[in-house]
C-alpha atoms as a PDB file:
ATOM      1  CA  MET A   1     -39.644-112.593  25.373  1.00  0.00           C
ATOM      2  CA  ASP A   2     -35.927-113.397  25.540  1.00  0.00           C
ATOM      3  CA  GLN A   3     -33.572-110.460  25.995  1.00  0.00           C
ATOM      4  CA  ARG A   4     -31.585-110.675  22.744  1.00  0.00           C
ATOM      5  CA  ILE A   5     -31.183-109.381  19.197  1.00  0.00           C
ATOM      6  CA  SER A   6     -31.092-111.940  16.387  1.00  0.00           C
ATOM      7  CA  PHE A   7     -30.761-109.790  13.256  1.00  0.00           C
ATOM      8  CA  VAL A   8     -29.576-106.272  12.543  1.00  0.00           C
ATOM      9  CA  THR A   9     -30.927-105.308   9.120  1.00  0.00           C
ATOM     10  CA  LEU A  10     -29.641-102.350   7.146  1.00  0.00           C
ATOM     11  CA  ALA A  11     -31.145-101.072   3.893  1.00  0.00           C
ATOM     12  CA  VAL A  12     -28.351-100.478   1.358  1.00  0.00           C
ATOM     13  CA  ARG A  13     -28.316 -98.578  -1.938  1.00  0.00           C
ATOM     14  CA  ASP A  14     -25.773-100.803  -3.722  1.00  0.00           C
ATOM     15  CA  LEU A  15     -25.534-104.391  -2.514  1.00  0.00           C
ATOM     16  CA  ALA A  16     -22.499-105.113  -4.699  1.00  0.00           C
ATOM     17  CA  ALA A  17     -20.620-102.218  -3.059  1.00  0.00           C
ATOM     18  CA  SER A  18     -21.627-103.516   0.377  1.00  0.00           C
ATOM     19  CA  ARG A  19     -20.463-107.025  -0.566  1.00  0.00           C
ATOM     20  CA  GLY A  20     -17.172-105.555  -1.782  1.00  0.00           C
ATOM     21  CA  PHE A  21     -16.692-103.724   1.505  1.00  0.00           C
ATOM     22  CA  TYR A  22     -17.758-106.381   4.008  1.00  0.00           C
ATOM     23  CA  VAL A  23     -16.894-109.662   2.251  1.00  0.00           C
ATOM     24  CA  ASP A  24     -14.088-108.824  -0.169  1.00  0.00           C
ATOM     25  CA  GLY A  25     -12.585-106.001   1.903  1.00  0.00           C
ATOM     26  CA  LEU A  26     -13.082-106.843   5.576  1.00  0.00           C
ATOM     27  CA  GLY A  27     -12.885-110.559   4.840  1.00  0.00           C
ATOM     28  CA  TRP A  28     -16.224-111.492   6.399  1.00  0.00           C
ATOM     29  CA  THR A  29     -17.979-114.669   5.226  1.00  0.00           C
ATOM     30  CA  ALA A  30     -21.419-114.527   3.674  1.00  0.00           C
ATOM     31  CA  ALA A  31     -23.906-116.927   5.267  1.00  0.00           C
ATOM     32  CA  LEU A  32     -26.523-116.107   2.615  1.00  0.00           C
ATOM     33  CA  ASP A  33     -25.824-114.178  -0.570  1.00  0.00           C
ATOM     34  CA  VAL A  34     -28.625-113.473  -3.036  1.00  0.00           C
ATOM     35  CA  PRO A  35     -27.203-111.000  -5.598  1.00  0.00           C
ATOM     36  CA  GLY A  36     -29.425-107.998  -6.114  1.00  0.00           C
ATOM     37  CA  GLU A  37     -31.466-108.760  -3.005  1.00  0.00           C
ATOM     38  CA  VAL A  38     -29.760-109.580   0.313  1.00  0.00           C
ATOM     39  CA  LEU A  39     -26.427-110.412   1.919  1.00  0.00           C
ATOM     40  CA  MET A  40     -26.369-111.982   5.388  1.00  0.00           C
ATOM     41  CA  VAL A  41     -23.278-112.398   7.560  1.00  0.00           C
ATOM     42  CA  GLN A  42     -23.291-114.222  10.867  1.00  0.00           C
ATOM     43  CA  VAL A  43     -21.491-111.723  13.121  1.00  0.00           C
ATOM     44  CA  GLY A  44     -21.933-113.513  16.442  1.00  0.00           C
ATOM     45  CA  GLU A  45     -22.985-116.845  17.826  1.00  0.00           C
ATOM     46  CA  HIS A  46     -26.643-115.876  17.520  1.00  0.00           C
ATOM     47  CA  VAL A  47     -26.510-112.576  15.606  1.00  0.00           C
ATOM     48  CA  VAL A  48     -26.774-111.922  11.852  1.00  0.00           C
ATOM     49  CA  LEU A  49     -26.075-108.682   9.975  1.00  0.00           C
ATOM     50  CA  SER A  50     -28.513-108.524   7.063  1.00  0.00           C
ATOM     51  CA  LEU A  51     -27.848-106.075   4.230  1.00  0.00           C
ATOM     52  CA  TRP A  52     -30.951-105.606   2.116  1.00  0.00           C
ATOM     53  CA  VAL A  53     -31.388-103.728  -1.146  1.00  0.00           C
ATOM     54  CA  GLU A  54     -33.445-100.615  -0.348  1.00  0.00           C
ATOM     55  CA  GLN A  55     -36.318-101.519  -2.684  1.00  0.00           C
ATOM     56  CA  GLN A  56     -36.885-104.928  -1.055  1.00  0.00           C
ATOM     57  CA  PHE A  57     -36.538-103.363   2.401  1.00  0.00           C
ATOM     58  CA  GLU A  58     -39.161-100.724   1.617  1.00  0.00           C
ATOM     59  CA  ALA A  59     -41.526-103.300   0.075  1.00  0.00           C
ATOM     60  CA  GLU A  60     -41.557-105.270   3.318  1.00  0.00           C
ATOM     61  CA  VAL A  61     -41.015-102.655   6.030  1.00  0.00           C
ATOM     62  CA  GLY A  62     -42.231 -99.349   4.599  1.00  0.00           C
ATOM     63  CA  GLN A  63     -40.822 -96.142   3.178  1.00  0.00           C
ATOM     64  CA  ILE A  64     -37.322 -95.181   4.252  1.00  0.00           C
ATOM     65  CA  ALA A  65     -36.897 -91.690   5.689  1.00  0.00           C
ATOM     66  CA  ARG A  66     -34.279 -89.865   3.649  1.00  0.00           C
ATOM     67  CA  GLY A  67     -32.485 -86.610   4.215  1.00  0.00           C
ATOM     68  CA  GLU A  68     -29.350 -84.956   5.446  1.00  0.00           C
ATOM     69  CA  GLY A  69     -27.300 -86.163   8.375  1.00  0.00           C
ATOM     70  CA  VAL A  70     -26.235 -89.462   9.836  1.00  0.00           C
ATOM     71  CA  ALA A  71     -28.624 -92.366  10.380  1.00  0.00           C
ATOM     72  CA  PRO A  72     -29.589 -92.452  14.075  1.00  0.00           C
ATOM     73  CA  ILE A  73     -27.844 -95.764  14.714  1.00  0.00           C
ATOM     74  CA  THR A  74     -24.312 -96.996  15.187  1.00  0.00           C
ATOM     75  CA  LEU A  75     -22.957-100.502  15.034  1.00  0.00           C
ATOM     76  CA  ALA A  76     -19.987-101.448  17.173  1.00  0.00           C
ATOM     77  CA  HIS A  77     -17.057-103.808  16.806  1.00  0.00           C
ATOM     78  CA  ASN A  78     -15.257-104.250  20.103  1.00  0.00           C
ATOM     79  CA  VAL A  79     -11.700-105.505  20.409  1.00  0.00           C
ATOM     80  CA  ALA A  80      -9.374-106.214  23.323  1.00  0.00           C
ATOM     81  CA  THR A  81      -6.689-103.534  22.829  1.00  0.00           C
ATOM     82  CA  GLU A  82      -6.191 -99.976  21.654  1.00  0.00           C
ATOM     83  CA  ALA A  83      -3.746-101.230  19.004  1.00  0.00           C
ATOM     84  CA  GLU A  84      -6.511-103.418  17.538  1.00  0.00           C
ATOM     85  CA  VAL A  85      -8.836-100.404  17.405  1.00  0.00           C
ATOM     86  CA  ASP A  86      -6.242 -98.524  15.351  1.00  0.00           C
ATOM     87  CA  GLU A  87      -5.650-101.567  13.079  1.00  0.00           C
ATOM     88  CA  VAL A  88      -9.348-101.950  12.246  1.00  0.00           C
ATOM     89  CA  LEU A  89      -9.724 -98.226  11.545  1.00  0.00           C
ATOM     90  CA  ALA A  90      -6.655 -98.376   9.270  1.00  0.00           C
ATOM     91  CA  LEU A  91      -8.165-101.344   7.413  1.00  0.00           C
ATOM     92  CA  ALA A  92     -11.451 -99.481   6.935  1.00  0.00           C
ATOM     93  CA  ARG A  93      -9.551 -96.440   5.641  1.00  0.00           C
ATOM     94  CA  SER A  94      -7.610 -98.639   3.191  1.00  0.00           C
ATOM     95  CA  LEU A  95     -10.950 -99.926   1.856  1.00  0.00           C
ATOM     96  CA  GLY A  96     -12.117 -96.387   1.151  1.00  0.00           C
ATOM     97  CA  ALA A  97     -14.297 -95.936   4.225  1.00  0.00           C
ATOM     98  CA  ASP A  98     -15.186 -92.276   4.518  1.00  0.00           C
ATOM     99  CA  PRO A  99     -15.250 -90.705   6.936  1.00  0.00           C
ATOM    100  CA  VAL A 100     -12.898 -92.379   9.356  1.00  0.00           C
ATOM    101  CA  HIS A 101     -12.622 -90.692  12.746  1.00  0.00           C
ATOM    102  CA  ASP A 102      -9.404 -91.639  14.493  1.00  0.00           C
ATOM    103  CA  ALA A 103      -9.776 -93.221  17.915  1.00  0.00           C
ATOM    104  CA  VAL A 104      -9.555 -91.144  21.065  1.00  0.00           C
ATOM    105  CA  ARG A 105      -9.692 -91.948  24.755  1.00  0.00           C
ATOM    106  CA  ARG A 106     -13.190 -91.197  26.006  1.00  0.00           C
ATOM    107  CA  ASP A 107     -14.071 -89.671  29.377  1.00  0.00           C
ATOM    108  CA  TRP A 108     -15.808 -92.916  30.376  1.00  0.00           C
ATOM    109  CA  GLY A 109     -12.573 -94.887  29.956  1.00  0.00           C
ATOM    110  CA  GLY A 110     -12.892 -96.446  26.524  1.00  0.00           C
ATOM    111  CA  TYR A 111     -10.857 -95.908  23.370  1.00  0.00           C
ATOM    112  CA  THR A 112     -13.046 -95.543  20.283  1.00  0.00           C
ATOM    113  CA  GLY A 113     -13.113 -94.331  16.696  1.00  0.00           C
ATOM    114  CA  TYR A 114     -15.578 -94.539  13.809  1.00  0.00           C
ATOM    115  CA  PHE A 115     -15.786 -95.376  10.133  1.00  0.00           C
ATOM    116  CA  ALA A 116     -18.636 -95.276   7.628  1.00  0.00           C
ATOM    117  CA  ASP A 117     -19.547 -98.187   5.361  1.00  0.00           C
ATOM    118  CA  PRO A 118     -20.529 -97.565   1.696  1.00  0.00           C
ATOM    119  CA  ASP A 119     -24.024 -96.458   2.762  1.00  0.00           C
ATOM    120  CA  GLY A 120     -22.774 -94.146   5.500  1.00  0.00           C
ATOM    121  CA  PHE A 121     -23.706 -96.405   8.418  1.00  0.00           C
ATOM    122  CA  ARG A 122     -21.313 -95.606  11.254  1.00  0.00           C
ATOM    123  CA  TRP A 123     -19.295 -98.370  12.853  1.00  0.00           C
ATOM    124  CA  GLU A 124     -17.683 -97.699  16.194  1.00  0.00           C
ATOM    125  CA  VAL A 125     -14.460 -99.600  16.791  1.00  0.00           C
ATOM    126  CA  ALA A 126     -13.793 -99.736  20.516  1.00  0.00           C
ATOM    127  CA  THR A 127     -12.083-101.230  23.478  1.00  0.00           C
ATOM    128  CA  ASN A 128     -14.152-100.847  26.628  1.00  0.00           C
ATOM    129  CA  PRO A 129     -12.941-101.145  30.203  1.00  0.00           C
ATOM    130  CA  GLY A 130     -14.501-103.338  32.829  1.00  0.00           C
ATOM    131  CA  PRO A 131     -16.872-106.289  32.771  1.00  0.00           C
ATOM    132  CA  ILE A 132     -19.187-105.000  30.023  1.00  0.00           C
ATOM    133  CA  GLY A 133     -16.213-104.626  27.689  1.00  0.00           C
ATOM    134  CA  GLN A 134     -15.108-108.174  28.369  1.00  0.00           C
ATOM    135  CA  ALA A 135     -18.642-109.551  27.997  1.00  0.00           C
ATOM    136  CA  VAL A 136     -18.791-108.687  24.288  1.00  0.00           C
ATOM    137  CA  LEU A 137     -15.418-110.181  23.294  1.00  0.00           C
ATOM    138  CA  PRO A 138     -15.159-113.663  21.793  1.00  0.00           C
END
């Protein structure tokens, strides 16, 4: 098996709100858009973010665990500079992302902050030092 991820699929409560956030707000381009069902955005050369309406997700995958707290997953958007981290977090805040955690310098050398999309999925916006940080930049 190749060492790679092809799709990241998130179950969303309101696909129109997700479309408004990702496509209309962040300016991403939909690769596949089926209203009321799924929105797919190619986010890397070989990686797609798939946003699925919860009901269709559950019909195919199984019941979603619901409850208090944050989903045990984060998505990350890495950039080259600390200024870019702050710019992306400001954009997310202007789109109504809540919460937005301002970026801080981490003990391991990076500079990162977080925002939540309309379904509460946490996005880390980061600049990472060293080779691994450079490996994920376009």
